[in-house]
Amino acid sequence: MRFLEVVFAILCSLDLCSCHNVDDIVPPSISDCPDDISASVELGESEVPVYWTEPSAQDDNGRVTLISATHFQGEYFAIGSTPVIYIFADDSYNTNECSFNVNVSVGKESFLFLNTS
């Protein structure tokens, strides 16, 4: 059994989704998937909270479930580039994903105070 089939079997057993629709082959459509996001930290800091509008998904044949997200808005991100991935699935196990990067750097304003010569 594929991973998503197991996930949906569990969700359906808890009455959190409807039955599998074998005629549906179209994946959910995603709205509000952000572009890459840039943020900066102050000198001496190593991470910063980052906010965005979280993506959503719709399907023409029923309910869509967010089955996985690597991060959520408002979490703290460390200096560097961090991929963020949301995976949505419909009741027929069709999936679609939204992915973007959160790029955190040390703010340019912080470097102005480093030059003491």
C-alpha atoms as a PDB file:
ATOM      1  CA  MET A   1       0.000   0.000   0.000  1.00  0.00           C
ATOM      2  CA  ARG A   2       1.342   3.442  -0.900  1.00  0.00           C
ATOM      3  CA  PHE A   3       2.077   5.921   1.866  1.00  0.00           C
ATOM      4  CA  LEU A   4      -0.806   8.245   0.943  1.00  0.00           C
ATOM      5  CA  GLU A   5      -3.228   5.321   0.825  1.00  0.00           C
ATOM      6  CA  VAL A   6      -2.237   4.468   4.399  1.00  0.00           C
ATOM      7  CA  VAL A   7      -2.658   8.095   5.490  1.00  0.00           C
ATOM      8  CA  PHE A   8      -6.099   8.266   3.906  1.00  0.00           C
ATOM      9  CA  ALA A   9      -7.127   4.893   5.304  1.00  0.00           C
ATOM     10  CA  ILE A  10      -6.366   6.242   8.774  1.00  0.00           C
ATOM     11  CA  LEU A  11      -8.134   9.565   8.122  1.00  0.00           C
ATOM     12  CA  CYS A  12     -11.192   7.819   6.686  1.00  0.00           C
ATOM     13  CA  SER A  13     -11.330   5.385   9.605  1.00  0.00           C
ATOM     14  CA  LEU A  14     -11.548   8.452  11.856  1.00  0.00           C
ATOM     15  CA  ASP A  15     -14.248   9.891   9.572  1.00  0.00           C
ATOM     16  CA  LEU A  16     -11.963  12.786   8.598  1.00  0.00           C
ATOM     17  CA  CYS A  17     -12.340  12.267   4.862  1.00  0.00           C
ATOM     18  CA  SER A  18     -14.792  10.772   2.418  1.00  0.00           C
ATOM     19  CA  CYS A  19     -14.393   7.557   0.470  1.00  0.00           C
ATOM     20  CA  HIS A  20     -11.879   7.156  -2.332  1.00  0.00           C
ATOM     21  CA  ASN A  21     -13.143   8.395  -5.707  1.00  0.00           C
ATOM     22  CA  VAL A  22     -11.418   6.300  -8.403  1.00  0.00           C
ATOM     23  CA  ASP A  23     -12.675   8.565 -11.217  1.00  0.00           C
ATOM     24  CA  ASP A  24     -10.850  11.642  -9.910  1.00  0.00           C
ATOM     25  CA  ILE A  25      -7.391  11.992 -11.466  1.00  0.00           C
ATOM     26  CA  VAL A  26      -7.047  15.770 -11.133  1.00  0.00           C
ATOM     27  CA  PRO A  27      -4.870  16.966  -8.235  1.00  0.00           C
ATOM     28  CA  PRO A  28      -6.022  19.765  -5.947  1.00  0.00           C
ATOM     29  CA  SER A  29      -5.285  23.317  -7.055  1.00  0.00           C
ATOM     30  CA  ILE A  30      -3.229  25.469  -4.703  1.00  0.00           C
ATOM     31  CA  SER A  31      -3.823  29.134  -3.917  1.00  0.00           C
ATOM     32  CA  ASP A  32      -1.552  31.657  -2.204  1.00  0.00           C
ATOM     33  CA  CYS A  33       1.705  29.735  -2.597  1.00  0.00           C
ATOM     34  CA  PRO A  34       4.336  32.321  -1.645  1.00  0.00           C
ATOM     35  CA  ASP A  35       7.407  33.172  -3.696  1.00  0.00           C
ATOM     36  CA  ASP A  36      10.751  32.853  -1.933  1.00  0.00           C
ATOM     37  CA  ILE A  37      10.837  34.988   1.204  1.00  0.00           C
ATOM     38  CA  SER A  38      13.797  37.051   2.413  1.00  0.00           C
ATOM     39  CA  ALA A  39      14.259  38.057   6.037  1.00  0.00           C
ATOM     40  CA  SER A  40      17.126  39.440   8.065  1.00  0.00           C
ATOM     41  CA  VAL A  41      18.377  39.123  11.618  1.00  0.00           C
ATOM     42  CA  GLU A  42      20.069  41.725  13.756  1.00  0.00           C
ATOM     43  CA  LEU A  43      23.781  41.379  14.449  1.00  0.00           C
ATOM     44  CA  GLY A  44      24.253  38.858  17.255  1.00  0.00           C
ATOM     45  CA  GLU A  45      20.957  37.093  16.547  1.00  0.00           C
ATOM     46  CA  SER A  46      20.834  33.713  14.832  1.00  0.00           C
ATOM     47  CA  GLU A  47      17.158  33.357  13.923  1.00  0.00           C
ATOM     48  CA  VAL A  48      14.040  35.379  13.243  1.00  0.00           C
ATOM     49  CA  PRO A  49      10.295  34.624  13.084  1.00  0.00           C
ATOM     50  CA  VAL A  50       8.992  34.719   9.517  1.00  0.00           C
ATOM     51  CA  TYR A  51       5.357  35.230   8.513  1.00  0.00           C
ATOM     52  CA  TRP A  52       3.492  34.592   5.256  1.00  0.00           C
ATOM     53  CA  THR A  53      -0.012  33.849   4.065  1.00  0.00           C
ATOM     54  CA  GLU A  54      -0.295  30.090   4.259  1.00  0.00           C
ATOM     55  CA  PRO A  55      -1.327  28.346   1.055  1.00  0.00           C
ATOM     56  CA  SER A  56      -4.678  26.628   0.700  1.00  0.00           C
ATOM     57  CA  ALA A  57      -6.000  24.062  -1.746  1.00  0.00           C
ATOM     58  CA  GLN A  58      -9.305  23.311  -3.431  1.00  0.00           C
ATOM     59  CA  ASP A  59     -10.574  20.317  -5.359  1.00  0.00           C
ATOM     60  CA  ASP A  60     -13.513  19.997  -7.714  1.00  0.00           C
ATOM     61  CA  ASN A  61     -14.446  16.548  -6.364  1.00  0.00           C
ATOM     62  CA  GLY A  62     -14.386  16.962  -2.622  1.00  0.00           C
ATOM     63  CA  ARG A  63     -12.372  17.741   0.422  1.00  0.00           C
ATOM     64  CA  VAL A  64      -8.663  18.548   0.416  1.00  0.00           C
ATOM     65  CA  THR A  65      -6.413  17.710   3.341  1.00  0.00           C
ATOM     66  CA  LEU A  66      -3.061  19.227   4.250  1.00  0.00           C
ATOM     67  CA  ILE A  67      -1.075  16.028   4.749  1.00  0.00           C
ATOM     68  CA  SER A  68       2.359  17.505   5.354  1.00  0.00           C
ATOM     69  CA  ALA A  69       4.051  20.817   6.043  1.00  0.00           C
ATOM     70  CA  THR A  70       7.712  21.244   6.842  1.00  0.00           C
ATOM     71  CA  HIS A  71       7.169  24.627   8.530  1.00  0.00           C
ATOM     72  CA  PHE A  72       4.380  27.042   9.386  1.00  0.00           C
ATOM     73  CA  GLN A  73       4.305  30.826   9.326  1.00  0.00           C
ATOM     74  CA  GLY A  74       5.486  32.431  12.530  1.00  0.00           C
ATOM     75  CA  GLU A  75       8.194  29.841  13.175  1.00  0.00           C
ATOM     76  CA  TYR A  76      11.785  30.928  13.778  1.00  0.00           C
ATOM     77  CA  PHE A  77      14.202  30.453  10.883  1.00  0.00           C
ATOM     78  CA  ALA A  78      17.989  30.356  11.191  1.00  0.00           C
ATOM     79  CA  ILE A  79      20.459  32.205   8.986  1.00  0.00           C
ATOM     80  CA  GLY A  80      20.635  30.493   5.597  1.00  0.00           C
ATOM     81  CA  SER A  81      18.108  29.081   3.165  1.00  0.00           C
ATOM     82  CA  THR A  82      15.351  26.766   4.393  1.00  0.00           C
ATOM     83  CA  PRO A  83      12.940  25.008   2.040  1.00  0.00           C
ATOM     84  CA  VAL A  84       9.271  25.109   3.048  1.00  0.00           C
ATOM     85  CA  ILE A  85       6.920  22.512   1.555  1.00  0.00           C
ATOM     86  CA  TYR A  86       3.167  22.060   1.971  1.00  0.00           C
ATOM     87  CA  ILE A  87       1.593  18.901   0.498  1.00  0.00           C
ATOM     88  CA  PHE A  88      -2.148  18.681  -0.077  1.00  0.00           C
ATOM     89  CA  ALA A  89      -4.168  15.627  -1.114  1.00  0.00           C
ATOM     90  CA  ASP A  90      -7.743  15.077  -2.173  1.00  0.00           C
ATOM     91  CA  ASP A  91      -9.936  12.107  -1.275  1.00  0.00           C
ATOM     92  CA  SER A  92      -8.646  10.207  -4.321  1.00  0.00           C
ATOM     93  CA  TYR A  93      -5.005  10.410  -3.192  1.00  0.00           C
ATOM     94  CA  ASN A  94      -4.126  13.023  -5.836  1.00  0.00           C
ATOM     95  CA  THR A  95      -1.498  15.360  -4.423  1.00  0.00           C
ATOM     96  CA  ASN A  96      -0.106  18.776  -5.164  1.00  0.00           C
ATOM     97  CA  GLU A  97       2.547  20.770  -3.364  1.00  0.00           C
ATOM     98  CA  CYS A  98       3.552  24.320  -2.693  1.00  0.00           C
ATOM     99  CA  SER A  99       7.242  24.939  -2.114  1.00  0.00           C
ATOM    100  CA  PHE A 100       9.354  28.020  -1.522  1.00  0.00           C
ATOM    101  CA  ASN A 101      12.497  29.016   0.357  1.00  0.00           C
ATOM    102  CA  VAL A 102      12.906  31.222   3.393  1.00  0.00           C
ATOM    103  CA  ASN A 103      16.245  33.012   3.037  1.00  0.00           C
ATOM    104  CA  VAL A 104      17.571  34.590   6.226  1.00  0.00           C
ATOM    105  CA  SER A 105      20.651  36.801   6.284  1.00  0.00           C
ATOM    106  CA  VAL A 106      22.296  39.248   8.653  1.00  0.00           C
ATOM    107  CA  GLY A 107      20.784  42.682   8.029  1.00  0.00           C
ATOM    108  CA  LYS A 108      22.913  45.225   6.143  1.00  0.00           C
ATOM    109  CA  GLU A 109      22.251  47.812   8.850  1.00  0.00           C
ATOM    110  CA  SER A 110      24.163  45.601  11.293  1.00  0.00           C
ATOM    111  CA  PHE A 111      27.349  45.840   9.220  1.00  0.00           C
ATOM    112  CA  LEU A 112      27.400  49.650   9.449  1.00  0.00           C
ATOM    113  CA  PHE A 113      28.402  49.378  13.089  1.00  0.00           C
ATOM    114  CA  LEU A 114      31.256  46.922  12.446  1.00  0.00           C
ATOM    115  CA  ASN A 115      33.547  49.392  10.662  1.00  0.00           C
ATOM    116  CA  THR A 116      35.285  51.300  13.470  1.00  0.00           C
ATOM    117  CA  SER A 117      38.280  52.649  11.502  1.00  0.00           C
END
